[in-house]
Amino acid sequence: MSKIELVPFKAEHAKQILDLGMNDVALELRPEHKKYVVSVEDIGMSFTGLLNNQPIAAGGICYLWEGVAEGWVLASRDILKYPIFCAKTIKRRTDLLATNNKLKRIQTAVKHDSETAIRFAEWLGFKREGLMKNYAPDGSDHYLYAKVY
């Protein structure tokens, strides 16, 4: 079994993950929307899982204001080769980021028609707070999920 290495996230990792293809068809992004996912490079707040030097998943948080952050995850199809390890690592890292940054809330937008993303957010301990109509650049609806610490 190959080893997955965690490294600080770089914008190029997002491009590579998107080029590989997302882990759920409902999560695929149109080319004109990809520019938004590469702007979350923040030292110490985001990370990438590399498998054989190829990014298979990335995630982290973006500070909104004191005590509150927005969480995000990008996962390629290759994450499905190591679902348990990757899921547990993302969960541990999210909770660690919350603790280390004294966060009381992490929220995230989850595409309304992605059962994979919905199940994952709920497994991470996030609770659905509402539907955000016409939220994304493409006009798709997303659920607002949050985890309160």
C-alpha atoms as a PDB file:
ATOM      1  CA  MET A   1       0.000   0.000   0.000  1.00  0.00           C
ATOM      2  CA  SER A   2       1.303   3.434  -0.908  1.00  0.00           C
ATOM      3  CA  LYS A   3       1.638   6.049   1.779  1.00  0.00           C
ATOM      4  CA  ILE A   4      -0.355   9.279   1.732  1.00  0.00           C
ATOM      5  CA  GLU A   5       1.706  12.304   2.717  1.00  0.00           C
ATOM      6  CA  LEU A   6       0.132  15.483   4.157  1.00  0.00           C
ATOM      7  CA  VAL A   7       1.678  18.711   2.945  1.00  0.00           C
ATOM      8  CA  PRO A   8       0.670  22.395   3.018  1.00  0.00           C
ATOM      9  CA  PHE A   9      -1.895  23.182   0.328  1.00  0.00           C
ATOM     10  CA  LYS A  10      -0.786  25.039  -2.784  1.00  0.00           C
ATOM     11  CA  ALA A  11      -3.089  26.435  -5.471  1.00  0.00           C
ATOM     12  CA  GLU A  12      -1.524  24.103  -8.038  1.00  0.00           C
ATOM     13  CA  HIS A  13      -2.849  21.128  -6.008  1.00  0.00           C
ATOM     14  CA  ALA A  14      -6.435  22.269  -6.630  1.00  0.00           C
ATOM     15  CA  LYS A  15      -5.787  22.471 -10.358  1.00  0.00           C
ATOM     16  CA  GLN A  16      -4.305  18.960 -10.356  1.00  0.00           C
ATOM     17  CA  ILE A  17      -7.228  17.506  -8.360  1.00  0.00           C
ATOM     18  CA  LEU A  18      -9.763  19.120 -10.678  1.00  0.00           C
ATOM     19  CA  ASP A  19      -7.882  17.810 -13.723  1.00  0.00           C
ATOM     20  CA  LEU A  20      -8.036  14.259 -12.290  1.00  0.00           C
ATOM     21  CA  GLY A  21     -11.810  14.507 -11.861  1.00  0.00           C
ATOM     22  CA  MET A  22     -13.826  14.863  -8.688  1.00  0.00           C
ATOM     23  CA  ASN A  23     -15.010  11.954  -6.546  1.00  0.00           C
ATOM     24  CA  ASP A  24     -18.672  12.671  -7.407  1.00  0.00           C
ATOM     25  CA  VAL A  25     -20.039  13.699 -10.808  1.00  0.00           C
ATOM     26  CA  ALA A  26     -22.329  16.235  -9.096  1.00  0.00           C
ATOM     27  CA  LEU A  27     -19.223  18.028  -7.787  1.00  0.00           C
ATOM     28  CA  GLU A  28     -17.486  18.555 -11.139  1.00  0.00           C
ATOM     29  CA  LEU A  29     -16.806  22.223 -11.788  1.00  0.00           C
ATOM     30  CA  ARG A  30     -17.139  24.097 -15.042  1.00  0.00           C
ATOM     31  CA  PRO A  31     -13.837  25.567 -16.273  1.00  0.00           C
ATOM     32  CA  GLU A  32     -14.966  29.147 -15.573  1.00  0.00           C
ATOM     33  CA  HIS A  33     -15.606  28.278 -11.910  1.00  0.00           C
ATOM     34  CA  LYS A  34     -12.237  26.674 -11.222  1.00  0.00           C
ATOM     35  CA  LYS A  35     -10.662  30.064 -10.543  1.00  0.00           C
ATOM     36  CA  TYR A  36     -12.495  30.269  -7.216  1.00  0.00           C
ATOM     37  CA  VAL A  37     -11.055  27.089  -5.696  1.00  0.00           C
ATOM     38  CA  VAL A  38      -7.434  28.080  -6.080  1.00  0.00           C
ATOM     39  CA  SER A  39      -7.698  31.154  -3.853  1.00  0.00           C
ATOM     40  CA  VAL A  40      -7.667  29.336  -0.504  1.00  0.00           C
ATOM     41  CA  GLU A  41      -3.905  28.935  -0.126  1.00  0.00           C
ATOM     42  CA  ASP A  42      -3.397  29.993   3.495  1.00  0.00           C
ATOM     43  CA  ILE A  43      -0.360  28.741   5.386  1.00  0.00           C
ATOM     44  CA  GLY A  44      -1.301  26.489   8.278  1.00  0.00           C
ATOM     45  CA  MET A  45      -5.009  26.540   7.460  1.00  0.00           C
ATOM     46  CA  SER A  46      -5.141  24.101   4.538  1.00  0.00           C
ATOM     47  CA  PHE A  47      -3.462  20.875   3.516  1.00  0.00           C
ATOM     48  CA  THR A  48      -3.174  18.382   0.675  1.00  0.00           C
ATOM     49  CA  GLY A  49      -2.968  14.605   0.719  1.00  0.00           C
ATOM     50  CA  LEU A  50      -0.391  13.371  -1.781  1.00  0.00           C
ATOM     51  CA  LEU A  51      -0.311   9.794  -3.060  1.00  0.00           C
ATOM     52  CA  ASN A  52       2.880   9.073  -5.008  1.00  0.00           C
ATOM     53  CA  ASN A  53       3.443  12.850  -5.197  1.00  0.00           C
ATOM     54  CA  GLN A  54       0.000  13.374  -6.802  1.00  0.00           C
ATOM     55  CA  PRO A  55      -2.674  15.319  -4.873  1.00  0.00           C
ATOM     56  CA  ILE A  56      -5.761  13.199  -4.249  1.00  0.00           C
ATOM     57  CA  ALA A  57      -7.535  15.483  -1.774  1.00  0.00           C
ATOM     58  CA  ALA A  58      -7.144  18.916  -0.252  1.00  0.00           C
ATOM     59  CA  GLY A  59      -9.021  20.799   2.402  1.00  0.00           C
ATOM     60  CA  GLY A  60      -8.870  23.342   5.120  1.00  0.00           C
ATOM     61  CA  ILE A  61     -10.481  26.448   6.494  1.00  0.00           C
ATOM     62  CA  CYS A  62     -10.692  30.107   5.564  1.00  0.00           C
ATOM     63  CA  TYR A  63     -11.059  32.532   8.444  1.00  0.00           C
ATOM     64  CA  LEU A  64     -14.224  34.644   8.196  1.00  0.00           C
ATOM     65  CA  TRP A  65     -13.895  36.513  11.494  1.00  0.00           C
ATOM     66  CA  GLU A  66     -12.925  35.779  15.068  1.00  0.00           C
ATOM     67  CA  GLY A  67     -14.147  32.329  16.035  1.00  0.00           C
ATOM     68  CA  VAL A  68     -15.725  31.501  12.664  1.00  0.00           C
ATOM     69  CA  ALA A  69     -14.276  29.880   9.541  1.00  0.00           C
ATOM     70  CA  GLU A  70     -15.459  28.397   6.261  1.00  0.00           C
ATOM     71  CA  GLY A  71     -14.395  24.803   5.644  1.00  0.00           C
ATOM     72  CA  TRP A  72     -13.676  23.295   2.247  1.00  0.00           C
ATOM     73  CA  VAL A  73     -12.642  19.974   0.715  1.00  0.00           C
ATOM     74  CA  LEU A  74     -11.689  18.962  -2.826  1.00  0.00           C
ATOM     75  CA  ALA A  75     -11.373  15.254  -3.471  1.00  0.00           C
ATOM     76  CA  SER A  76     -10.377  13.460  -6.651  1.00  0.00           C
ATOM     77  CA  ARG A  77     -11.627  10.052  -7.723  1.00  0.00           C
ATOM     78  CA  ASP A  78      -8.433   8.566  -6.274  1.00  0.00           C
ATOM     79  CA  ILE A  79      -9.649   9.302  -2.743  1.00  0.00           C
ATOM     80  CA  LEU A  80     -11.981   6.325  -3.185  1.00  0.00           C
ATOM     81  CA  LYS A  81      -8.933   4.027  -3.047  1.00  0.00           C
ATOM     82  CA  TYR A  82      -8.377   5.080   0.599  1.00  0.00           C
ATOM     83  CA  PRO A  83     -11.786   6.219   1.860  1.00  0.00           C
ATOM     84  CA  ILE A  84     -11.428   5.369   5.553  1.00  0.00           C
ATOM     85  CA  PHE A  85      -7.916   6.755   5.975  1.00  0.00           C
ATOM     86  CA  CYS A  86      -8.768   9.953   4.087  1.00  0.00           C
ATOM     87  CA  ALA A  87     -12.086  10.521   5.867  1.00  0.00           C
ATOM     88  CA  LYS A  88     -10.544  10.040   9.313  1.00  0.00           C
ATOM     89  CA  THR A  89      -7.607  12.288   8.435  1.00  0.00           C
ATOM     90  CA  ILE A  90      -9.916  15.065   7.211  1.00  0.00           C
ATOM     91  CA  LYS A  91     -12.054  14.771  10.345  1.00  0.00           C
ATOM     92  CA  ARG A  92      -9.045  14.872  12.693  1.00  0.00           C
ATOM     93  CA  ARG A  93      -7.438  17.765  10.819  1.00  0.00           C
ATOM     94  CA  THR A  94     -10.690  19.796  10.778  1.00  0.00           C
ATOM     95  CA  ASP A  95     -11.147  19.394  14.522  1.00  0.00           C
ATOM     96  CA  LEU A  96      -7.470  20.197  15.114  1.00  0.00           C
ATOM     97  CA  LEU A  97      -7.758  23.391  13.032  1.00  0.00           C
ATOM     98  CA  ALA A  98     -10.830  24.362  15.071  1.00  0.00           C
ATOM     99  CA  THR A  99      -9.035  23.777  18.372  1.00  0.00           C
ATOM    100  CA  ASN A 100      -5.747  25.426  17.372  1.00  0.00           C
ATOM    101  CA  ASN A 101      -7.523  28.491  15.994  1.00  0.00           C
ATOM    102  CA  LYS A 102     -10.035  28.744  18.874  1.00  0.00           C
ATOM    103  CA  LEU A 103     -12.961  28.420  16.491  1.00  0.00           C
ATOM    104  CA  LYS A 104     -16.491  28.172  17.803  1.00  0.00           C
ATOM    105  CA  ARG A 105     -17.958  27.442  14.352  1.00  0.00           C
ATOM    106  CA  ILE A 106     -16.910  26.035  10.992  1.00  0.00           C
ATOM    107  CA  GLN A 107     -19.456  26.284   8.206  1.00  0.00           C
ATOM    108  CA  THR A 108     -19.443  24.946   4.672  1.00  0.00           C
ATOM    109  CA  ALA A 109     -21.569  24.942   1.543  1.00  0.00           C
ATOM    110  CA  VAL A 110     -22.615  21.511   0.271  1.00  0.00           C
ATOM    111  CA  LYS A 111     -24.059  21.072  -3.207  1.00  0.00           C
ATOM    112  CA  HIS A 112     -27.723  20.113  -2.790  1.00  0.00           C
ATOM    113  CA  ASP A 113     -27.644  17.223  -5.283  1.00  0.00           C
ATOM    114  CA  SER A 114     -24.458  15.518  -4.105  1.00  0.00           C
ATOM    115  CA  GLU A 115     -25.436  12.700  -1.771  1.00  0.00           C
ATOM    116  CA  THR A 116     -21.727  11.875  -1.374  1.00  0.00           C
ATOM    117  CA  ALA A 117     -20.904  15.373  -0.101  1.00  0.00           C
ATOM    118  CA  ILE A 118     -24.003  15.493   2.121  1.00  0.00           C
ATOM    119  CA  ARG A 119     -23.184  12.138   3.741  1.00  0.00           C
ATOM    120  CA  PHE A 120     -19.578  13.210   4.263  1.00  0.00           C
ATOM    121  CA  ALA A 121     -20.473  16.559   5.861  1.00  0.00           C
ATOM    122  CA  GLU A 122     -22.885  14.822   8.220  1.00  0.00           C
ATOM    123  CA  TRP A 123     -20.308  12.122   9.055  1.00  0.00           C
ATOM    124  CA  LEU A 124     -17.871  14.916   9.951  1.00  0.00           C
ATOM    125  CA  GLY A 125     -20.444  16.176  12.467  1.00  0.00           C
ATOM    126  CA  PHE A 126     -21.826  19.109  10.484  1.00  0.00           C
ATOM    127  CA  LYS A 127     -25.544  19.911  10.780  1.00  0.00           C
ATOM    128  CA  ARG A 128     -27.696  21.245   7.968  1.00  0.00           C
ATOM    129  CA  GLU A 129     -28.906  24.787   8.665  1.00  0.00           C
ATOM    130  CA  GLY A 130     -30.702  25.712   5.462  1.00  0.00           C
ATOM    131  CA  LEU A 131     -30.865  25.862   1.687  1.00  0.00           C
ATOM    132  CA  MET A 132     -28.981  28.632  -0.099  1.00  0.00           C
ATOM    133  CA  LYS A 133     -30.798  29.182  -3.392  1.00  0.00           C
ATOM    134  CA  ASN A 134     -28.767  30.195  -6.452  1.00  0.00           C
ATOM    135  CA  TYR A 135     -25.599  30.136  -4.319  1.00  0.00           C
ATOM    136  CA  ALA A 136     -22.812  28.985  -6.647  1.00  0.00           C
ATOM    137  CA  PRO A 137     -21.391  30.772  -9.689  1.00  0.00           C
ATOM    138  CA  ASP A 138     -23.390  28.391 -11.891  1.00  0.00           C
ATOM    139  CA  GLY A 139     -26.628  29.164 -10.037  1.00  0.00           C
ATOM    140  CA  SER A 140     -26.820  25.807  -8.263  1.00  0.00           C
ATOM    141  CA  ASP A 141     -28.365  25.495  -4.833  1.00  0.00           C
ATOM    142  CA  HIS A 142     -26.270  24.517  -1.812  1.00  0.00           C
ATOM    143  CA  TYR A 143     -27.050  23.582   1.752  1.00  0.00           C
ATOM    144  CA  LEU A 144     -25.368  25.526   4.530  1.00  0.00           C
ATOM    145  CA  TYR A 145     -23.842  23.085   7.005  1.00  0.00           C
ATOM    146  CA  ALA A 146     -22.099  24.031  10.247  1.00  0.00           C
ATOM    147  CA  LYS A 147     -20.247  22.385  13.083  1.00  0.00           C
ATOM    148  CA  VAL A 148     -20.320  24.258  16.379  1.00  0.00           C
ATOM    149  CA  TYR A 149     -17.525  23.564  18.865  1.00  0.00           C
END
